[in-house]
Amino acid sequence: MRYLLLYICIPMSQLSSILDVASSQPILTDDIDVLQYIERNVPGSIKYSIKRIRKQSHWNIEDTGVMVYHFNEMNAEENYLELKFCVSGNFFCKEKEAECDFCKLNNTKTCIEKIESVDMLSFTYSPTYLQQFAKAHKKEHSHFEQVLSFNHPFSFSKTSNLCTKTTGAIQALLNHHYTDTRENIFINAQTQIIFLYTTDCLLGEKEEDEFACKFLSNEEDREKIINAREILLQHIGEPITIKALSRKVAINECYLKKGFKEIFGTTIFDFYQGQRMEHAKYLLYEKGLSVTEVSSSLGYSSISHFSTAFKNHTGIKPCELLIH
């Protein structure tokens, strides 16, 4: 199944809000009841926001995604790629008690209140951050490569209905169980997955559920690969070998490596290393930890090894992040 795309080259200032794009009728400001708002920005990485609002009974919202590519040939510092989403049909749990089991429908006896929500998400990726994906792409002169390398010569936006994979990744982001530093690790990983799935749907040629690795047609094997990703996120501070990882998810190493690259668009090592460095940014910039403390928490044997890995990933030394 292919997706109908609207390819619009328009000034960024004329873009409607994602809620207006997703709704079949104008949304009045007085109708908007904000349930939750989260915003975070780490320099040289991702700026994201999540706004959850109460869904009104008369609204007709269609799950929608918009890609905004902003290019300024005269000032590269203004370049960015933004993904905006509007999804409905989720339930926001207003008061999550300790005994809440985070059920999908919030219908347990201990649930105090469930509110049907419309959720708006925005992810703004810097050119530096996107370079890690551009390096892994095989077609050097593809549209995808041009966008990730910011060689596409003009700004544009693309709008489409959400594909199944992107919707699932957004649902996981909205309904995760993690808190504190584990929450940051999970969100970092999920924003990458959302980016990969969305660009695959909007810029790629591959049809949904069409896999080069034939064994991935088996849902059980796909679940093993997805589980492997979750285990990697749980071992950010204690590295795990591919051999050990393959045993944990009960799939051979060759299938694990090929399947991981097929589903997530990157190698196991690059994914794991990227998550460690993105989490390092969070610990340095948001939590105010020292380079020594971050190096130790991520399981590095020496500060110099950590600093080298951090610079290879971000282009700057760990200590320089605090200057920005």
Protein backbone atom coordinates (compact mmCIF):
# COMPACT_ATOMS: atom_id res chain seq x y z
CA MET A 1 0.00 0.00 0.00
CA ARG A 2 1.38 3.41 -0.97
CA TYR A 3 0.53 6.70 0.69
CA LEU A 4 -0.89 9.80 -0.94
CA LEU A 5 1.44 12.72 -0.28
CA LEU A 6 0.89 16.42 -0.65
CA TYR A 7 4.16 18.03 -1.71
CA ILE A 8 3.85 21.75 -1.09
CA CYS A 9 6.59 24.32 -1.63
CA ILE A 10 5.41 27.28 0.43
CA PRO A 11 6.93 29.87 2.75
CA MET A 12 7.29 28.46 6.25
CA SER A 13 5.40 31.44 7.69
CA GLN A 14 2.24 30.32 5.85
CA LEU A 15 2.11 26.86 7.37
CA SER A 16 -1.00 26.26 9.46
CA SER A 17 -0.71 24.66 12.86
CA ILE A 18 -0.78 20.87 12.84
CA LEU A 19 -4.17 20.91 14.58
CA ASP A 20 -5.68 23.00 11.79
CA VAL A 21 -4.23 20.65 9.19
CA ALA A 22 -5.61 17.54 10.93
CA SER A 23 -9.09 18.93 11.61
CA SER A 24 -11.92 19.00 9.08
CA GLN A 25 -13.21 22.25 10.57
CA PRO A 26 -11.65 25.27 12.31
CA ILE A 27 -10.74 24.73 15.98
CA LEU A 28 -11.73 27.60 18.26
CA THR A 29 -9.16 28.72 20.83
CA ASP A 30 -11.83 28.62 23.53
CA ASP A 31 -12.33 24.89 22.85
CA ILE A 32 -8.72 24.02 23.64
CA ASP A 33 -8.20 22.57 27.12
CA VAL A 34 -4.52 21.72 27.63
CA LEU A 35 -4.00 18.55 29.70
CA GLN A 36 -0.21 18.32 29.47
CA TYR A 37 2.64 20.23 27.87
CA ILE A 38 6.25 19.05 27.72
CA GLU A 39 9.13 20.80 25.98
CA ARG A 40 12.85 20.06 25.89
CA ASN A 41 15.78 21.39 23.90
CA VAL A 42 19.36 20.11 23.88
CA PRO A 43 21.74 22.21 21.70
CA GLY A 44 22.95 20.51 18.55
CA SER A 45 20.44 17.70 18.88
CA ILE A 46 16.63 17.64 19.10
CA LYS A 47 14.08 20.13 20.29
CA TYR A 48 10.75 18.48 20.95
CA SER A 49 7.37 19.34 22.43
CA ILE A 50 4.31 17.30 23.31
CA LYS A 51 0.96 18.97 23.88
CA ARG A 52 -2.04 16.90 24.89
CA ILE A 53 -5.46 18.52 24.83
CA ARG A 54 -8.97 17.35 25.70
CA LYS A 55 -10.84 16.05 22.65
CA GLN A 56 -14.20 17.74 22.16
CA SER A 57 -17.12 15.57 21.00
CA HIS A 58 -17.77 17.68 17.89
CA TRP A 59 -14.19 17.52 16.61
CA ASN A 60 -13.31 15.43 13.57
CA ILE A 61 -9.55 14.85 13.71
CA GLU A 62 -7.58 12.74 11.24
CA ASP A 63 -4.17 11.43 12.29
CA THR A 64 -1.75 13.59 10.31
CA GLY A 65 1.98 14.13 9.90
CA VAL A 66 3.84 17.11 8.42
CA MET A 67 7.51 17.31 7.49
CA VAL A 68 8.98 20.82 7.31
CA TYR A 69 12.38 21.19 5.68
CA HIS A 70 13.82 24.66 6.27
CA PHE A 71 16.86 25.64 4.22
CA ASN A 72 18.67 28.97 4.21
CA GLU A 73 21.60 29.02 1.81
CA MET A 74 22.92 32.27 3.30
CA ASN A 75 22.77 31.16 6.94
CA ALA A 76 23.30 27.46 7.65
CA GLU A 77 22.61 27.98 11.36
CA GLU A 78 18.93 28.49 10.51
CA ASN A 79 18.59 25.10 8.81
CA TYR A 80 16.42 22.46 10.46
CA LEU A 81 14.04 19.62 9.74
CA GLU A 82 10.82 19.44 11.76
CA LEU A 83 8.30 16.64 12.06
CA LYS A 84 4.84 17.57 13.37
CA PHE A 85 2.09 15.13 14.24
CA CYS A 86 -1.50 15.25 15.38
CA VAL A 87 -3.07 12.02 16.65
CA SER A 88 -6.37 11.30 18.36
CA GLY A 89 -7.96 8.33 20.07
CA ASN A 90 -5.56 8.15 23.04
CA PHE A 91 -6.58 8.49 26.67
CA PHE A 92 -4.78 10.82 29.03
CA CYS A 93 -4.68 9.61 32.63
CA LYS A 94 -5.02 12.79 34.67
CA GLU A 95 -3.88 11.28 37.97
CA LYS A 96 -1.64 8.23 37.80
CA GLU A 97 -1.63 6.51 41.18
CA ALA A 98 1.21 4.23 42.23
CA GLU A 99 -0.96 1.14 41.69
CA CYS A 100 -2.00 2.21 38.17
CA ASP A 101 -1.12 -0.51 35.66
CA PHE A 102 -1.12 1.87 32.68
CA CYS A 103 -3.79 -0.14 30.89
CA LYS A 104 -4.53 0.95 27.33
CA LEU A 105 -8.11 1.98 28.06
CA ASN A 106 -7.56 3.27 31.60
CA ASN A 107 -10.53 1.22 32.78
CA THR A 108 -9.13 -0.38 35.94
CA LYS A 109 -10.93 -0.02 39.24
CA THR A 110 -8.19 2.26 40.59
CA CYS A 111 -8.25 4.64 37.62
CA ILE A 112 -9.44 8.03 38.84
CA GLU A 113 -10.08 9.75 35.54
CA LYS A 114 -9.58 9.07 31.85
CA ILE A 115 -9.79 11.79 29.25
CA GLU A 116 -9.87 11.22 25.51
CA SER A 117 -7.15 13.39 24.05
CA VAL A 118 -5.82 14.92 20.87
CA ASP A 119 -2.04 14.88 20.95
CA MET A 120 0.25 17.23 19.06
CA LEU A 121 3.95 16.44 18.84
CA SER A 122 6.80 18.38 17.28
CA PHE A 123 10.40 17.22 16.75
CA THR A 124 12.98 19.65 15.37
CA TYR A 125 16.25 18.04 14.27
CA SER A 126 19.47 19.97 13.72
CA PRO A 127 21.69 19.33 10.65
CA THR A 128 24.48 18.08 12.92
CA TYR A 129 22.18 15.52 14.48
CA LEU A 130 20.91 14.26 11.11
CA GLN A 131 24.39 13.59 9.73
CA GLN A 132 24.49 10.23 11.54
CA PHE A 133 21.54 9.05 9.41
CA ALA A 134 22.86 10.49 6.15
CA LYS A 135 26.09 8.52 6.49
CA ALA A 136 24.19 5.24 6.67
CA HIS A 137 22.08 5.82 3.57
CA LYS A 138 23.17 3.90 0.48
CA LYS A 139 21.75 6.04 -2.35
CA GLU A 140 24.16 8.98 -2.34
CA HIS A 141 22.12 11.18 -4.66
CA SER A 142 18.63 10.30 -3.45
CA HIS A 143 16.11 12.87 -2.28
CA PHE A 144 16.44 11.38 1.20
CA GLU A 145 20.21 11.93 1.19
CA GLN A 146 19.84 15.50 -0.06
CA VAL A 147 17.44 16.35 2.76
CA LEU A 148 19.50 14.73 5.52
CA SER A 149 22.67 16.42 4.27
CA PHE A 150 20.83 19.75 3.75
CA ASN A 151 21.83 19.82 0.11
CA HIS A 152 18.24 20.17 -1.08
CA PRO A 153 18.20 23.76 -2.45
CA PHE A 154 14.84 25.06 -1.20
CA SER A 155 12.47 24.80 1.75
CA PHE A 156 9.39 22.61 1.50
CA SER A 157 6.72 20.82 3.49
CA LYS A 158 5.07 17.43 3.03
CA THR A 159 1.79 16.32 4.55
CA SER A 160 0.36 12.79 4.77
CA ASN A 161 -1.76 10.44 6.82
CA LEU A 162 0.36 8.50 9.29
CA CYS A 163 1.62 5.04 8.36
CA THR A 164 1.15 2.21 10.85
CA LYS A 165 4.77 2.10 11.99
CA THR A 166 4.90 5.81 12.76
CA THR A 167 1.59 5.68 14.63
CA GLY A 168 2.86 2.79 16.76
CA ALA A 169 6.07 4.65 17.63
CA ILE A 170 4.10 7.75 18.65
CA GLN A 171 1.73 5.65 20.78
CA ALA A 172 4.72 4.11 22.55
CA LEU A 173 6.17 7.56 23.23
CA LEU A 174 2.91 8.85 24.70
CA ASN A 175 2.22 5.80 26.86
CA HIS A 176 5.64 4.71 28.15
CA HIS A 177 6.32 3.76 31.79
CA TYR A 178 9.77 5.26 32.20
CA THR A 179 10.79 8.03 34.59
CA ASP A 180 13.85 10.24 35.22
CA THR A 181 17.00 9.22 33.29
CA ARG A 182 15.40 6.08 31.85
CA GLU A 183 12.65 8.26 30.45
CA ASN A 184 15.24 10.38 28.66
CA ILE A 185 16.96 7.30 27.22
CA PHE A 186 13.66 5.99 25.91
CA ILE A 187 12.55 9.33 24.45
CA ASN A 188 15.90 9.82 22.69
CA ALA A 189 15.56 6.40 21.08
CA GLN A 190 11.90 6.87 20.18
CA THR A 191 12.48 10.22 18.50
CA GLN A 192 15.03 8.54 16.23
CA ILE A 193 12.63 5.73 15.42
CA ILE A 194 9.84 8.20 14.67
CA PHE A 195 12.22 10.09 12.38
CA LEU A 196 13.29 6.94 10.53
CA TYR A 197 9.75 5.62 10.09
CA THR A 198 8.36 8.98 9.00
CA THR A 199 11.09 9.74 6.48
CA ASP A 200 10.74 6.20 5.13
CA CYS A 201 7.03 6.83 4.54
CA LEU A 202 7.44 10.38 3.21
CA LEU A 203 10.71 10.19 1.29
CA GLY A 204 11.35 6.48 0.76
CA GLU A 205 10.23 4.15 -1.98
CA LYS A 206 9.60 1.04 0.14
CA GLU A 207 6.03 -0.06 0.70
CA GLU A 208 4.91 -0.70 4.23
CA ASP A 209 5.50 -4.25 5.56
CA GLU A 210 7.76 -5.10 2.60
CA PHE A 211 11.01 -6.51 4.04
CA ALA A 212 14.24 -7.39 2.27
CA CYS A 213 14.99 -9.90 5.06
CA LYS A 214 12.37 -12.59 4.43
CA PHE A 215 12.41 -13.86 8.02
CA LEU A 216 10.97 -10.50 9.13
CA SER A 217 7.68 -11.49 7.52
CA ASN A 218 7.28 -13.59 10.66
CA GLU A 219 5.75 -11.42 13.41
CA GLU A 220 7.51 -13.41 16.14
CA ASP A 221 10.93 -12.68 14.63
CA ARG A 222 10.09 -8.98 14.28
CA GLU A 223 9.15 -8.91 17.96
CA LYS A 224 12.54 -10.40 18.83
CA ILE A 225 14.32 -7.59 16.98
CA ILE A 226 12.15 -4.96 18.69
CA ASN A 227 12.84 -6.60 22.06
CA ALA A 228 16.57 -6.45 21.32
CA ARG A 229 16.27 -2.68 20.94
CA GLU A 230 14.53 -2.42 24.32
CA ILE A 231 17.32 -4.45 25.95
CA LEU A 232 19.95 -2.14 24.44
CA LEU A 233 18.17 0.85 25.98
CA GLN A 234 18.21 -0.87 29.36
CA HIS A 235 22.00 -1.34 29.10
CA ILE A 236 23.08 2.21 28.31
CA GLY A 237 25.45 2.20 31.30
CA GLU A 238 26.54 -1.43 31.02
CA PRO A 239 27.49 -2.42 27.45
CA ILE A 240 26.17 -5.73 26.15
CA THR A 241 27.72 -7.79 23.36
CA ILE A 242 25.80 -8.79 20.25
CA LYS A 243 26.35 -12.43 21.19
CA ALA A 244 24.77 -11.92 24.61
CA LEU A 245 21.96 -9.86 23.07
CA SER A 246 21.16 -12.56 20.52
CA ARG A 247 20.89 -15.13 23.32
CA LYS A 248 18.55 -12.93 25.32
CA VAL A 249 16.10 -12.59 22.42
CA ALA A 250 16.62 -16.15 21.11
CA ILE A 251 17.68 -15.34 17.55
CA ASN A 252 21.02 -15.98 15.86
CA GLU A 253 23.53 -13.14 15.54
CA CYS A 254 23.33 -12.88 11.76
CA TYR A 255 19.55 -12.53 11.76
CA LEU A 256 19.73 -10.10 14.66
CA LYS A 257 22.16 -7.77 12.87
CA LYS A 258 20.37 -7.94 9.51
CA GLY A 259 16.91 -7.62 11.02
CA PHE A 260 17.92 -4.69 13.23
CA LYS A 261 19.34 -2.79 10.28
CA GLU A 262 16.23 -3.54 8.20
CA ILE A 263 13.70 -2.43 10.81
CA PHE A 264 15.52 0.50 12.42
CA GLY A 265 17.67 1.74 9.54
CA THR A 266 20.96 1.57 11.44
CA THR A 267 23.42 -0.99 12.80
CA ILE A 268 23.22 -2.21 16.38
CA PHE A 269 26.51 -0.51 17.23
CA ASP A 270 25.58 2.84 15.68
CA PHE A 271 22.16 2.80 17.35
CA TYR A 272 23.61 1.92 20.75
CA GLN A 273 26.44 4.43 20.48
CA GLY A 274 24.03 7.13 19.36
CA GLN A 275 21.76 6.52 22.33
CA ARG A 276 24.66 6.69 24.76
CA MET A 277 25.86 9.99 23.36
CA GLU A 278 22.39 11.53 23.26
CA HIS A 279 21.90 10.50 26.87
CA ALA A 280 25.32 11.97 27.68
CA LYS A 281 24.09 15.31 26.27
CA TYR A 282 21.10 15.15 28.59
CA LEU A 283 23.22 14.34 31.65
CA LEU A 284 25.68 17.13 30.87
CA TYR A 285 23.27 19.84 29.78
CA GLU A 286 20.06 19.13 31.69
CA LYS A 287 21.34 17.39 34.82
CA GLY A 288 24.58 19.36 35.17
CA LEU A 289 26.78 16.31 35.76
CA SER A 290 30.51 16.57 35.24
CA VAL A 291 32.33 14.89 32.35
CA THR A 292 33.83 12.43 34.84
CA GLU A 293 30.42 11.52 36.27
CA VAL A 294 28.85 11.04 32.84
CA SER A 295 31.76 8.95 31.59
CA SER A 296 31.46 6.67 34.62
CA SER A 297 27.66 6.37 34.42
CA LEU A 298 27.88 5.26 30.78
CA GLY A 299 30.41 2.55 31.57
CA TYR A 300 33.50 4.05 29.95
CA SER A 301 36.87 2.88 31.25
CA SER A 302 38.44 6.32 30.77
CA ILE A 303 37.38 9.92 30.27
CA SER A 304 39.47 10.17 27.10
CA HIS A 305 37.58 7.26 25.47
CA PHE A 306 34.28 8.90 26.36
CA SER A 307 35.41 12.32 25.10
CA THR A 308 36.55 10.83 21.78
CA ALA A 309 33.26 8.99 21.29
CA PHE A 310 31.28 12.11 22.21
CA LYS A 311 33.19 14.30 19.76
CA ASN A 312 32.86 11.71 16.97
CA HIS A 313 29.10 11.75 17.48
CA THR A 314 28.44 15.45 18.12
CA GLY A 315 31.44 17.25 16.58
CA ILE A 316 32.31 18.92 19.89
CA LYS A 317 34.00 17.90 23.15
CA PRO A 318 31.79 17.21 26.20
CA CYS A 319 33.02 20.29 28.01
CA GLU A 320 32.15 22.48 25.00
CA LEU A 321 28.46 21.54 25.21
CA LEU A 322 28.04 23.62 28.34
CA ILE A 323 29.39 26.71 26.53
CA HIS A 324 26.61 26.61 23.87
